[in-house]
Amino acid sequence: MFLLFRKEFHQAIREGRKRQTVRFWKRRPVKPGGRLYSPRLGWFRITDIREVDPSALTDDEARLDGLPSVEALHEKLVELYGSIRPPDRTCFKLTFEFLGDRKDGDGS
């Protein structure tokens, strides 16, 4: 599975300022420890994934997502998904370690 990010987030990911993403999926696509690939960025190791209530997200979680506030995160979710509660989708908070080109994450 691919993990796609808008170009506006690429630099924050590379610099380690964005270490989380909030996504709406029909089912959990990966488990902690799994790896996902993102074109033009590289590999990610999933450190945690959990189902969340999008209205319960906090400013701290928004900052991990590369945004200044939970209000900005909610605005981005509406922009991307049309709602902070799209029908027939579950909200997941996915935290990750950016590995770049190192699929195995061992520094090689």
N, C-alpha and C. Protein backbone atom coordinates (compact mmCIF):
# COMPACT_ATOMS: atom_id res chain seq x y z
N MET A 1 0.84 -1.18 0.00
CA MET A 1 0.00 0.00 0.00
C MET A 1 0.88 1.24 0.00
N PHE A 2 0.42 2.24 -0.69
CA PHE A 2 1.10 3.52 -0.74
C PHE A 2 0.50 4.47 0.29
N LEU A 3 1.32 5.36 0.79
CA LEU A 3 0.90 6.42 1.68
C LEU A 3 1.19 7.72 0.95
N LEU A 4 0.15 8.41 0.52
CA LEU A 4 0.32 9.63 -0.26
C LEU A 4 0.23 10.86 0.62
N PHE A 5 1.10 11.82 0.36
CA PHE A 5 1.10 13.10 1.06
C PHE A 5 1.11 14.22 0.04
N ARG A 6 0.40 15.28 0.34
CA ARG A 6 0.46 16.46 -0.50
C ARG A 6 1.86 17.06 -0.42
N LYS A 7 2.26 17.68 -1.51
CA LYS A 7 3.60 18.27 -1.59
C LYS A 7 3.84 19.29 -0.47
N GLU A 8 2.80 19.97 -0.02
CA GLU A 8 2.95 20.98 1.03
C GLU A 8 3.51 20.38 2.33
N PHE A 9 3.42 19.06 2.51
CA PHE A 9 3.91 18.41 3.73
C PHE A 9 5.28 17.74 3.58
N HIS A 10 5.80 17.67 2.38
CA HIS A 10 7.04 16.93 2.15
C HIS A 10 8.21 17.44 2.98
N GLN A 11 8.42 18.74 3.01
CA GLN A 11 9.56 19.29 3.76
C GLN A 11 9.42 19.02 5.25
N ALA A 12 8.21 19.20 5.79
CA ALA A 12 7.99 18.94 7.22
C ALA A 12 8.25 17.48 7.56
N ILE A 13 7.90 16.57 6.66
CA ILE A 13 8.17 15.14 6.87
C ILE A 13 9.67 14.90 6.87
N ARG A 14 10.36 15.42 5.86
CA ARG A 14 11.81 15.22 5.77
C ARG A 14 12.55 15.78 6.99
N GLU A 15 12.05 16.88 7.53
CA GLU A 15 12.69 17.53 8.68
C GLU A 15 12.23 16.95 10.01
N GLY A 16 11.29 16.02 9.99
CA GLY A 16 10.82 15.39 11.22
C GLY A 16 9.80 16.21 11.98
N ARG A 17 9.28 17.27 11.37
CA ARG A 17 8.25 18.09 12.03
C ARG A 17 6.86 17.49 11.87
N LYS A 18 6.67 16.66 10.88
CA LYS A 18 5.39 15.94 10.69
C LYS A 18 5.69 14.46 10.89
N ARG A 19 5.12 13.91 11.98
CA ARG A 19 5.37 12.51 12.33
C ARG A 19 4.07 11.73 12.50
N GLN A 20 2.99 12.31 12.03
CA GLN A 20 1.68 11.70 12.19
C GLN A 20 0.79 12.13 11.02
N THR A 21 -0.18 11.31 10.73
CA THR A 21 -1.20 11.69 9.76
C THR A 21 -2.54 11.12 10.22
N VAL A 22 -3.59 11.88 9.98
CA VAL A 22 -4.94 11.43 10.29
C VAL A 22 -5.60 11.08 8.97
N ARG A 23 -6.11 9.86 8.89
CA ARG A 23 -6.70 9.36 7.64
C ARG A 23 -8.04 8.71 7.92
N PHE A 24 -8.88 8.70 6.89
CA PHE A 24 -10.16 8.01 6.94
C PHE A 24 -10.11 6.84 5.99
N TRP A 25 -10.24 5.64 6.53
CA TRP A 25 -10.21 4.42 5.74
C TRP A 25 -11.38 3.53 6.13
N LYS A 26 -11.72 2.60 5.27
CA LYS A 26 -12.77 1.63 5.58
C LYS A 26 -12.28 0.60 6.59
N ARG A 27 -10.97 0.29 6.53
CA ARG A 27 -10.39 -0.65 7.49
C ARG A 27 -8.93 -0.27 7.72
N ARG A 28 -8.40 -0.75 8.80
CA ARG A 28 -7.00 -0.48 9.17
C ARG A 28 -6.08 -1.13 8.13
N PRO A 29 -5.26 -0.36 7.43
CA PRO A 29 -4.46 -0.93 6.34
C PRO A 29 -3.10 -1.48 6.75
N VAL A 30 -2.66 -1.20 7.97
CA VAL A 30 -1.31 -1.60 8.38
C VAL A 30 -1.28 -1.72 9.90
N LYS A 31 -0.30 -2.45 10.41
CA LYS A 31 -0.12 -2.62 11.85
C LYS A 31 1.15 -1.89 12.28
N PRO A 32 1.27 -1.57 13.57
CA PRO A 32 2.53 -1.00 14.05
C PRO A 32 3.70 -1.91 13.67
N GLY A 33 4.78 -1.28 13.25
CA GLY A 33 5.95 -2.03 12.79
C GLY A 33 5.95 -2.24 11.29
N GLY A 34 4.79 -2.09 10.66
CA GLY A 34 4.70 -2.23 9.21
C GLY A 34 5.36 -1.06 8.50
N ARG A 35 5.56 -1.24 7.22
CA ARG A 35 6.18 -0.20 6.41
C ARG A 35 5.28 0.14 5.24
N LEU A 36 5.28 1.43 4.89
CA LEU A 36 4.54 1.92 3.74
C LEU A 36 5.46 2.79 2.90
N TYR A 37 5.18 2.86 1.62
CA TYR A 37 5.98 3.65 0.69
C TYR A 37 5.19 4.86 0.22
N SER A 38 5.87 5.99 0.10
CA SER A 38 5.25 7.19 -0.43
C SER A 38 6.08 7.70 -1.61
N PRO A 39 5.48 7.78 -2.79
CA PRO A 39 6.22 8.28 -3.95
C PRO A 39 6.79 9.68 -3.67
N ARG A 40 7.98 9.93 -4.18
CA ARG A 40 8.71 11.20 -4.04
C ARG A 40 9.20 11.47 -2.62
N LEU A 41 8.92 10.56 -1.68
CA LEU A 41 9.42 10.71 -0.32
C LEU A 41 10.26 9.51 0.09
N GLY A 42 9.67 8.33 0.04
CA GLY A 42 10.38 7.13 0.44
C GLY A 42 9.57 6.28 1.40
N TRP A 43 10.27 5.60 2.29
CA TRP A 43 9.67 4.61 3.19
C TRP A 43 9.33 5.19 4.55
N PHE A 44 8.30 4.62 5.16
CA PHE A 44 7.85 5.00 6.49
C PHE A 44 7.67 3.73 7.32
N ARG A 45 8.10 3.77 8.57
CA ARG A 45 7.80 2.69 9.51
C ARG A 45 6.66 3.19 10.38
N ILE A 46 5.61 2.40 10.49
CA ILE A 46 4.46 2.76 11.29
C ILE A 46 4.77 2.44 12.75
N THR A 47 4.73 3.46 13.60
CA THR A 47 5.02 3.25 15.02
C THR A 47 3.74 3.02 15.81
N ASP A 48 2.62 3.55 15.33
CA ASP A 48 1.34 3.34 16.00
C ASP A 48 0.22 3.67 15.04
N ILE A 49 -0.87 2.96 15.17
CA ILE A 49 -2.09 3.29 14.42
C ILE A 49 -3.26 2.96 15.33
N ARG A 50 -4.14 3.93 15.47
CA ARG A 50 -5.30 3.69 16.33
C ARG A 50 -6.50 4.46 15.80
N GLU A 51 -7.65 3.87 16.07
CA GLU A 51 -8.90 4.51 15.72
C GLU A 51 -9.13 5.67 16.69
N VAL A 52 -9.53 6.82 16.16
CA VAL A 52 -9.76 8.00 17.00
C VAL A 52 -11.06 8.69 16.62
N ASP A 53 -11.56 9.47 17.54
CA ASP A 53 -12.69 10.36 17.28
C ASP A 53 -12.10 11.67 16.79
N PRO A 54 -12.34 12.07 15.55
CA PRO A 54 -11.70 13.27 15.02
C PRO A 54 -12.03 14.54 15.82
N SER A 55 -13.19 14.58 16.46
CA SER A 55 -13.54 15.77 17.23
C SER A 55 -12.79 15.82 18.56
N ALA A 56 -12.13 14.71 18.95
CA ALA A 56 -11.38 14.66 20.20
C ALA A 56 -9.89 14.92 19.99
N LEU A 57 -9.46 15.17 18.76
CA LEU A 57 -8.05 15.46 18.50
C LEU A 57 -7.66 16.77 19.18
N THR A 58 -6.39 16.90 19.52
CA THR A 58 -5.90 18.06 20.27
C THR A 58 -4.93 18.91 19.44
N ASP A 59 -4.59 20.07 19.98
CA ASP A 59 -3.59 20.92 19.34
C ASP A 59 -2.24 20.20 19.24
N ASP A 60 -1.86 19.46 20.28
CA ASP A 60 -0.60 18.71 20.24
C ASP A 60 -0.60 17.69 19.10
N GLU A 61 -1.70 17.01 18.92
CA GLU A 61 -1.80 16.04 17.81
C GLU A 61 -1.76 16.75 16.47
N ALA A 62 -2.39 17.92 16.38
CA ALA A 62 -2.34 18.69 15.14
C ALA A 62 -0.91 19.09 14.79
N ARG A 63 -0.14 19.49 15.80
CA ARG A 63 1.26 19.87 15.56
C ARG A 63 2.08 18.67 15.08
N LEU A 64 1.83 17.47 15.64
CA LEU A 64 2.50 16.27 15.14
C LEU A 64 2.13 15.99 13.68
N ASP A 65 0.97 16.50 13.28
CA ASP A 65 0.49 16.34 11.91
C ASP A 65 0.98 17.47 11.00
N GLY A 66 1.81 18.36 11.54
CA GLY A 66 2.37 19.44 10.73
C GLY A 66 1.50 20.66 10.62
N LEU A 67 0.49 20.77 11.47
CA LEU A 67 -0.44 21.90 11.43
C LEU A 67 -0.40 22.64 12.77
N PRO A 68 -0.73 23.93 12.77
CA PRO A 68 -0.57 24.73 13.99
C PRO A 68 -1.61 24.51 15.07
N SER A 69 -2.78 23.98 14.70
CA SER A 69 -3.86 23.85 15.68
C SER A 69 -4.84 22.77 15.24
N VAL A 70 -5.66 22.33 16.19
CA VAL A 70 -6.68 21.35 15.86
C VAL A 70 -7.70 21.95 14.90
N GLU A 71 -7.94 23.25 15.00
CA GLU A 71 -8.86 23.89 14.04
C GLU A 71 -8.31 23.78 12.62
N ALA A 72 -6.99 24.01 12.47
CA ALA A 72 -6.37 23.88 11.15
C ALA A 72 -6.42 22.43 10.66
N LEU A 73 -6.25 21.48 11.58
CA LEU A 73 -6.36 20.07 11.21
C LEU A 73 -7.77 19.74 10.75
N HIS A 74 -8.77 20.20 11.47
CA HIS A 74 -10.16 19.96 11.06
C HIS A 74 -10.43 20.59 9.69
N GLU A 75 -9.93 21.79 9.46
CA GLU A 75 -10.10 22.44 8.14
C GLU A 75 -9.47 21.60 7.04
N LYS A 76 -8.27 21.07 7.31
CA LYS A 76 -7.59 20.25 6.31
C LYS A 76 -8.37 18.96 6.05
N LEU A 77 -8.92 18.35 7.10
CA LEU A 77 -9.72 17.13 6.91
C LEU A 77 -10.96 17.41 6.08
N VAL A 78 -11.61 18.55 6.30
CA VAL A 78 -12.78 18.93 5.50
C VAL A 78 -12.35 19.16 4.05
N GLU A 79 -11.21 19.82 3.86
CA GLU A 79 -10.70 20.06 2.51
C GLU A 79 -10.44 18.74 1.78
N LEU A 80 -9.84 17.78 2.48
CA LEU A 80 -9.47 16.51 1.85
C LEU A 80 -10.61 15.52 1.72
N TYR A 81 -11.48 15.48 2.75
CA TYR A 81 -12.51 14.43 2.81
C TYR A 81 -13.94 14.96 2.74
N GLY A 82 -14.11 16.29 2.80
CA GLY A 82 -15.44 16.87 2.74
C GLY A 82 -16.13 16.96 4.09
N SER A 83 -15.51 16.40 5.13
CA SER A 83 -16.12 16.35 6.45
C SER A 83 -15.09 15.86 7.46
N ILE A 84 -15.33 16.13 8.75
CA ILE A 84 -14.48 15.46 9.74
C ILE A 84 -15.09 14.13 10.15
N ARG A 85 -16.19 13.77 9.52
CA ARG A 85 -16.81 12.45 9.72
C ARG A 85 -17.40 11.94 8.39
N PRO A 86 -16.53 11.59 7.43
CA PRO A 86 -17.06 11.08 6.16
C PRO A 86 -17.82 9.78 6.38
N PRO A 87 -18.92 9.60 5.67
CA PRO A 87 -19.72 8.38 5.85
C PRO A 87 -18.93 7.13 5.44
N ASP A 88 -19.22 6.04 6.15
CA ASP A 88 -18.64 4.72 5.85
C ASP A 88 -17.12 4.68 5.96
N ARG A 89 -16.55 5.57 6.75
CA ARG A 89 -15.10 5.59 6.96
C ARG A 89 -14.80 5.70 8.45
N THR A 90 -13.68 5.14 8.84
CA THR A 90 -13.21 5.22 10.22
C THR A 90 -12.00 6.14 10.25
N CYS A 91 -11.90 6.94 11.29
CA CYS A 91 -10.78 7.86 11.45
C CYS A 91 -9.64 7.14 12.17
N PHE A 92 -8.45 7.17 11.56
CA PHE A 92 -7.26 6.57 12.14
C PHE A 92 -6.18 7.63 12.30
N LYS A 93 -5.50 7.57 13.42
CA LYS A 93 -4.31 8.40 13.67
C LYS A 93 -3.11 7.48 13.50
N LEU A 94 -2.30 7.79 12.54
CA LEU A 94 -1.15 6.98 12.17
C LEU A 94 0.12 7.75 12.50
N THR A 95 0.94 7.24 13.42
CA THR A 95 2.23 7.87 13.70
C THR A 95 3.31 7.04 13.01
N PHE A 96 4.37 7.74 12.61
CA PHE A 96 5.36 7.08 11.78
C PHE A 96 6.76 7.64 12.02
N GLU A 97 7.72 6.84 11.59
CA GLU A 97 9.12 7.25 11.50
C GLU A 97 9.43 7.31 10.01
N PHE A 98 9.94 8.43 9.57
CA PHE A 98 10.31 8.58 8.15
C PHE A 98 11.67 7.95 7.94
N LEU A 99 11.76 7.00 7.02
CA LEU A 99 12.99 6.27 6.73
C LEU A 99 13.67 6.74 5.45
N GLY A 100 12.97 7.49 4.63
CA GLY A 100 13.53 7.91 3.35
C GLY A 100 13.73 6.70 2.45
N ASP A 101 14.93 6.59 1.89
CA ASP A 101 15.23 5.48 0.98
C ASP A 101 15.56 4.18 1.69
N ARG A 102 15.69 4.22 3.03
CA ARG A 102 16.09 3.05 3.81
C ARG A 102 14.88 2.21 4.17
N LYS A 103 14.51 1.31 3.33
CA LYS A 103 13.32 0.48 3.59
C LYS A 103 13.44 -0.29 4.90
N ASP A 104 14.64 -0.76 5.24
CA ASP A 104 14.81 -1.56 6.44
C ASP A 104 14.98 -0.70 7.68
N GLY A 105 15.28 0.59 7.53
CA GLY A 105 15.39 1.49 8.66
C GLY A 105 16.63 1.29 9.50
N ASP A 106 17.64 0.56 8.98
CA ASP A 106 18.83 0.31 9.80
C ASP A 106 19.97 1.28 9.48
N GLY A 107 19.68 2.29 8.66
CA GLY A 107 20.71 3.28 8.35
C GLY A 107 21.55 2.94 7.15
N SER A 108 21.29 1.83 6.50
CA SER A 108 22.09 1.45 5.34
C SER A 108 21.51 2.03 4.07
